[in-house]
N, C-alpha and C. Protein backbone atom coordinates (compact mmCIF):
# COMPACT_ATOMS: atom_id res chain seq x y z
N UNK A 1 -97.93 -42.52 71.47
CA UNK A 1 -99.09 -41.72 72.00
C UNK A 1 -99.60 -40.91 70.83
N UNK A 2 -100.98 -40.88 70.67
CA UNK A 2 -101.62 -40.12 69.56
C UNK A 2 -101.41 -38.64 69.84
N UNK A 3 -101.26 -37.82 68.83
CA UNK A 3 -101.07 -36.40 68.94
C UNK A 3 -102.12 -35.61 69.78
N UNK A 4 -103.37 -36.09 69.77
CA UNK A 4 -104.40 -35.41 70.54
C UNK A 4 -104.24 -35.67 72.05
N UNK A 5 -103.67 -36.81 72.46
CA UNK A 5 -103.54 -37.18 73.87
C UNK A 5 -102.65 -36.06 74.51
N UNK A 6 -101.64 -35.61 73.88
CA UNK A 6 -100.75 -34.58 74.44
C UNK A 6 -101.45 -33.26 74.64
N UNK A 7 -102.54 -32.96 74.01
CA UNK A 7 -103.33 -31.77 74.11
C UNK A 7 -104.30 -31.78 75.21
N UNK A 8 -104.65 -32.96 75.68
CA UNK A 8 -105.79 -33.07 76.69
C UNK A 8 -105.40 -32.28 78.02
N UNK A 9 -104.21 -32.39 78.64
CA UNK A 9 -103.95 -31.55 79.77
C UNK A 9 -104.10 -30.07 79.55
N UNK A 10 -103.53 -29.69 78.24
CA UNK A 10 -103.59 -28.25 77.99
C UNK A 10 -105.04 -27.78 77.84
N UNK A 11 -105.93 -28.57 77.20
CA UNK A 11 -107.30 -28.24 77.03
C UNK A 11 -108.07 -28.21 78.33
N UNK A 12 -107.64 -29.08 79.28
CA UNK A 12 -108.31 -29.13 80.65
C UNK A 12 -107.86 -27.83 81.41
N UNK A 13 -106.65 -27.37 81.34
CA UNK A 13 -106.19 -26.18 82.06
C UNK A 13 -106.89 -25.01 81.34
N UNK A 14 -106.98 -24.97 80.04
CA UNK A 14 -107.63 -23.80 79.39
C UNK A 14 -109.06 -23.76 79.75
N UNK A 15 -109.71 -24.95 79.87
CA UNK A 15 -111.16 -24.91 80.16
C UNK A 15 -111.36 -24.40 81.67
N UNK A 16 -110.46 -24.75 82.61
CA UNK A 16 -110.52 -24.28 83.93
C UNK A 16 -110.36 -22.77 84.03
N UNK A 17 -109.38 -22.24 83.32
CA UNK A 17 -109.15 -20.87 83.31
C UNK A 17 -110.38 -20.05 82.75
N UNK A 18 -110.97 -20.61 81.71
CA UNK A 18 -112.15 -19.99 81.13
C UNK A 18 -113.36 -20.00 82.11
N UNK A 19 -113.50 -21.15 82.82
CA UNK A 19 -114.53 -21.29 83.82
C UNK A 19 -114.36 -20.28 84.91
N UNK A 20 -113.15 -20.17 85.42
CA UNK A 20 -112.86 -19.24 86.55
C UNK A 20 -113.11 -17.82 86.07
N UNK A 21 -112.79 -17.48 84.85
CA UNK A 21 -113.00 -16.10 84.39
C UNK A 21 -114.52 -15.84 84.36
N UNK A 22 -115.26 -16.73 83.76
CA UNK A 22 -116.77 -16.63 83.73
C UNK A 22 -117.43 -16.50 85.11
N UNK A 23 -116.97 -17.36 85.98
CA UNK A 23 -117.47 -17.45 87.40
C UNK A 23 -117.21 -16.11 88.13
N UNK A 24 -116.00 -15.66 87.91
CA UNK A 24 -115.59 -14.30 88.49
C UNK A 24 -116.45 -13.16 87.94
N UNK A 25 -116.70 -13.17 86.69
CA UNK A 25 -117.53 -12.05 86.10
C UNK A 25 -118.90 -12.19 86.63
N UNK A 26 -119.44 -13.35 86.95
CA UNK A 26 -120.79 -13.41 87.38
C UNK A 26 -120.92 -13.23 88.85
N UNK A 27 -119.85 -12.91 89.57
CA UNK A 27 -119.82 -12.57 90.96
C UNK A 27 -119.74 -13.72 91.85
N UNK A 28 -119.31 -14.79 91.38
CA UNK A 28 -119.34 -16.06 92.25
C UNK A 28 -118.23 -15.89 93.40
N UNK A 29 -117.31 -15.00 93.24
CA UNK A 29 -116.19 -14.96 94.28
C UNK A 29 -116.36 -13.68 95.16
N UNK A 30 -117.49 -13.05 95.07
CA UNK A 30 -117.56 -11.79 95.78
C UNK A 30 -117.83 -12.02 97.28
N UNK A 31 -118.81 -12.80 97.61
CA UNK A 31 -119.17 -13.12 99.01
C UNK A 31 -118.48 -14.38 99.54
N UNK A 32 -117.48 -14.28 100.26
CA UNK A 32 -116.83 -15.40 100.88
C UNK A 32 -116.78 -15.33 102.42
N UNK A 33 -116.82 -16.38 103.14
CA UNK A 33 -116.80 -16.38 104.50
C UNK A 33 -118.09 -16.61 105.13
N UNK A 34 -118.36 -16.08 106.33
CA UNK A 34 -119.71 -16.28 106.92
C UNK A 34 -120.70 -15.41 106.22
N UNK A 35 -121.72 -15.98 105.58
CA UNK A 35 -122.74 -15.22 104.94
C UNK A 35 -124.10 -15.67 105.41
N UNK A 36 -125.10 -14.84 105.36
CA UNK A 36 -126.42 -15.14 105.66
C UNK A 36 -127.16 -15.83 104.46
N UNK A 37 -127.83 -16.95 104.79
CA UNK A 37 -128.54 -17.66 103.72
C UNK A 37 -129.92 -17.87 104.20
N UNK A 38 -130.83 -18.09 103.12
CA UNK A 38 -132.15 -18.46 103.39
C UNK A 38 -132.56 -19.83 102.74
N UNK A 39 -133.15 -20.78 103.57
CA UNK A 39 -133.49 -21.98 103.06
C UNK A 39 -134.81 -21.90 102.38
N UNK A 40 -135.17 -22.96 101.66
CA UNK A 40 -136.44 -22.98 100.90
C UNK A 40 -137.68 -22.89 101.72
N UNK A 41 -137.55 -23.17 103.03
CA UNK A 41 -138.70 -22.96 103.98
C UNK A 41 -138.70 -21.46 104.65
N UNK A 42 -137.70 -20.65 104.25
CA UNK A 42 -137.70 -19.30 104.73
C UNK A 42 -136.78 -19.02 105.94
N UNK A 43 -136.16 -20.06 106.48
CA UNK A 43 -135.31 -19.91 107.66
C UNK A 43 -134.01 -19.15 107.26
N UNK A 44 -133.62 -18.34 108.12
CA UNK A 44 -132.32 -17.63 107.98
C UNK A 44 -131.29 -18.14 108.99
N UNK A 45 -130.07 -18.35 108.46
CA UNK A 45 -128.93 -18.66 109.25
C UNK A 45 -127.67 -18.35 108.64
N UNK A 46 -126.57 -18.39 109.29
CA UNK A 46 -125.26 -18.11 108.64
C UNK A 46 -124.56 -19.45 108.34
N UNK A 47 -123.80 -19.38 107.31
CA UNK A 47 -122.95 -20.49 106.87
C UNK A 47 -121.67 -20.04 106.36
N UNK A 48 -120.76 -20.93 106.22
CA UNK A 48 -119.40 -20.55 105.64
C UNK A 48 -119.56 -20.75 104.13
N UNK A 49 -119.39 -19.77 103.36
CA UNK A 49 -119.59 -19.81 101.86
C UNK A 49 -118.26 -19.54 101.25
N UNK A 50 -117.61 -20.48 100.73
CA UNK A 50 -116.35 -20.29 100.05
C UNK A 50 -116.48 -20.68 98.56
N UNK A 51 -115.95 -19.89 97.68
CA UNK A 51 -116.06 -20.30 96.22
C UNK A 51 -115.17 -21.55 96.01
N UNK A 52 -115.81 -22.39 95.19
CA UNK A 52 -115.10 -23.74 94.72
C UNK A 52 -114.85 -24.72 95.83
N UNK A 53 -115.51 -24.38 97.13
CA UNK A 53 -115.16 -25.34 98.18
C UNK A 53 -116.50 -25.66 98.91
N UNK A 54 -116.81 -26.89 99.05
CA UNK A 54 -117.98 -27.35 99.70
C UNK A 54 -117.87 -28.80 100.21
N UNK A 55 -117.65 -28.92 101.46
CA UNK A 55 -117.62 -30.28 102.04
C UNK A 55 -118.90 -30.70 102.66
N UNK A 56 -119.79 -29.78 103.09
CA UNK A 56 -120.98 -30.18 103.76
C UNK A 56 -122.31 -29.86 102.91
N UNK A 57 -121.97 -29.42 101.74
CA UNK A 57 -123.14 -29.13 100.82
C UNK A 57 -122.88 -29.59 99.44
N UNK A 58 -123.98 -29.64 98.69
CA UNK A 58 -123.86 -30.01 97.18
C UNK A 58 -124.11 -28.63 96.55
N UNK A 59 -123.14 -28.22 95.76
CA UNK A 59 -123.17 -26.87 95.08
C UNK A 59 -123.89 -27.03 93.77
N UNK A 60 -124.84 -26.14 93.53
CA UNK A 60 -125.57 -26.16 92.20
C UNK A 60 -125.58 -24.72 91.79
N UNK A 61 -124.35 -24.21 91.39
CA UNK A 61 -124.29 -22.78 90.98
C UNK A 61 -124.49 -21.90 92.19
N UNK A 62 -125.40 -20.95 92.16
CA UNK A 62 -125.67 -19.99 93.32
C UNK A 62 -126.53 -20.67 94.39
N UNK A 63 -126.94 -21.89 94.22
CA UNK A 63 -127.79 -22.60 95.21
C UNK A 63 -127.03 -23.74 95.73
N UNK A 64 -127.28 -24.01 97.06
CA UNK A 64 -126.58 -25.23 97.68
C UNK A 64 -127.68 -26.07 98.39
N UNK A 65 -127.39 -27.35 98.35
CA UNK A 65 -128.27 -28.28 99.04
C UNK A 65 -127.54 -28.59 100.39
N UNK A 66 -128.03 -28.15 101.58
CA UNK A 66 -127.33 -28.54 102.78
C UNK A 66 -128.37 -28.54 103.97
N UNK A 67 -127.87 -28.85 105.14
CA UNK A 67 -128.58 -28.98 106.35
C UNK A 67 -128.92 -27.51 106.82
N UNK A 68 -130.25 -27.36 107.18
CA UNK A 68 -130.71 -26.12 107.82
C UNK A 68 -130.79 -26.35 109.32
N UNK A 69 -129.93 -25.68 110.14
CA UNK A 69 -129.94 -25.87 111.53
C UNK A 69 -131.19 -25.26 112.21
N UNK A 70 -131.89 -24.39 111.63
CA UNK A 70 -133.11 -23.77 112.18
C UNK A 70 -134.26 -24.87 112.06
N UNK A 71 -134.56 -25.23 110.94
CA UNK A 71 -135.67 -26.17 110.67
C UNK A 71 -135.21 -27.64 110.90
N UNK A 72 -133.95 -27.87 111.05
CA UNK A 72 -133.48 -29.23 111.14
C UNK A 72 -133.87 -30.18 110.00
N UNK A 73 -133.60 -29.68 108.76
CA UNK A 73 -133.92 -30.41 107.66
C UNK A 73 -132.88 -30.15 106.52
N UNK A 74 -132.81 -31.06 105.55
CA UNK A 74 -131.98 -30.74 104.45
C UNK A 74 -132.71 -30.04 103.42
N UNK A 75 -132.16 -29.07 102.77
CA UNK A 75 -132.93 -28.16 101.91
C UNK A 75 -131.97 -27.40 100.90
N UNK A 76 -132.56 -26.66 100.06
CA UNK A 76 -131.78 -25.72 99.11
C UNK A 76 -131.67 -24.39 99.86
N UNK A 77 -130.43 -23.79 99.80
CA UNK A 77 -130.20 -22.57 100.40
C UNK A 77 -129.55 -21.51 99.44
N UNK A 78 -129.88 -20.29 99.50
CA UNK A 78 -129.26 -19.23 98.67
C UNK A 78 -128.76 -18.12 99.50
N UNK A 79 -127.76 -17.40 99.11
CA UNK A 79 -127.26 -16.23 99.86
C UNK A 79 -128.33 -15.15 99.78
N UNK A 80 -128.44 -14.34 100.84
CA UNK A 80 -129.40 -13.24 101.03
C UNK A 80 -128.52 -11.95 101.01
N UNK A 81 -128.85 -11.05 100.04
CA UNK A 81 -128.16 -9.68 100.14
C UNK A 81 -128.38 -9.04 101.37
N UNK A 82 -127.48 -8.37 101.92
CA UNK A 82 -127.54 -7.76 103.28
C UNK A 82 -128.60 -6.63 103.13
N UNK A 83 -128.80 -6.01 102.03
CA UNK A 83 -129.79 -5.00 101.85
C UNK A 83 -131.16 -5.48 101.94
N UNK A 84 -131.37 -6.73 101.75
CA UNK A 84 -132.74 -7.31 101.79
C UNK A 84 -133.20 -7.70 103.15
N UNK A 85 -132.28 -7.55 104.19
CA UNK A 85 -132.67 -7.97 105.56
C UNK A 85 -132.84 -6.78 106.56
N UNK A 86 -133.74 -7.07 107.44
CA UNK A 86 -133.91 -5.99 108.50
C UNK A 86 -132.89 -6.30 109.63
N UNK A 87 -132.68 -5.43 110.53
CA UNK A 87 -131.75 -5.60 111.61
C UNK A 87 -132.17 -6.88 112.49
N UNK A 88 -133.43 -7.04 112.71
CA UNK A 88 -133.85 -8.18 113.44
C UNK A 88 -133.56 -9.49 112.78
N UNK A 89 -133.77 -9.52 111.38
CA UNK A 89 -133.42 -10.67 110.61
C UNK A 89 -131.95 -11.01 110.65
N UNK A 90 -131.15 -9.99 110.53
CA UNK A 90 -129.64 -10.17 110.61
C UNK A 90 -129.22 -10.74 111.90
N UNK A 91 -129.78 -10.24 113.04
CA UNK A 91 -129.52 -10.75 114.39
C UNK A 91 -129.96 -12.18 114.58
N UNK A 92 -131.03 -12.51 114.15
CA UNK A 92 -131.63 -13.87 114.24
C UNK A 92 -130.74 -14.84 113.38
N UNK A 93 -130.31 -14.37 112.21
CA UNK A 93 -129.53 -15.27 111.30
C UNK A 93 -128.14 -15.53 111.91
N UNK A 94 -127.61 -14.58 112.59
CA UNK A 94 -126.25 -14.71 113.23
C UNK A 94 -126.32 -15.55 114.46
N UNK A 95 -127.45 -15.66 115.04
CA UNK A 95 -127.60 -16.53 116.25
C UNK A 95 -127.56 -18.00 115.89
N UNK A 96 -127.96 -18.34 114.52
CA UNK A 96 -127.99 -19.66 114.07
C UNK A 96 -126.89 -19.90 113.08
N UNK A 97 -125.93 -20.82 113.42
CA UNK A 97 -124.97 -20.98 112.37
C UNK A 97 -124.76 -22.54 112.22
N UNK A 98 -124.53 -23.02 110.98
CA UNK A 98 -124.43 -24.45 110.72
C UNK A 98 -123.06 -24.88 111.07
N UNK A 99 -122.64 -26.04 110.70
CA UNK A 99 -121.30 -26.65 111.02
C UNK A 99 -120.25 -25.73 110.55
N UNK A 100 -119.09 -25.69 111.23
CA UNK A 100 -118.02 -24.78 110.83
C UNK A 100 -117.18 -25.18 109.66
N UNK A 101 -117.48 -26.43 109.16
CA UNK A 101 -116.73 -26.93 107.93
C UNK A 101 -117.37 -26.24 106.71
N UNK A 102 -116.51 -25.71 105.82
CA UNK A 102 -117.01 -25.12 104.59
C UNK A 102 -117.84 -26.04 103.66
C-alpha cells in the first residue's frame, strides 16, 4: 500500500472536524427542531430543521429546496428569525407544518 493511502482516512476525519468547527461558528447548529421558514413566494410555515440531517429537502447551506405546504410547490426556503415576525405571522406559520420527517 502506498504511504499516502494510509493518510486518507486521517485526512477525511480532520476535514470533517474542521468543517464542523466552521459550521458551528457560523451558527449552523443554533436553531434545531421545528422552526419557521419562508419560501421564495413568501409563504410561512414550520418545518423540522436539524443540522446535517435532511431527508425531505436538498440542503444548500442556510437555504433548502423543499416542498411548501402552503403554496403546494417545490421551492427554496430559509429560516426566519423570530424577531422578524409579527404575532399573526407566527400563528399562521404554526398552523402550517410540512411532513414530520427531517
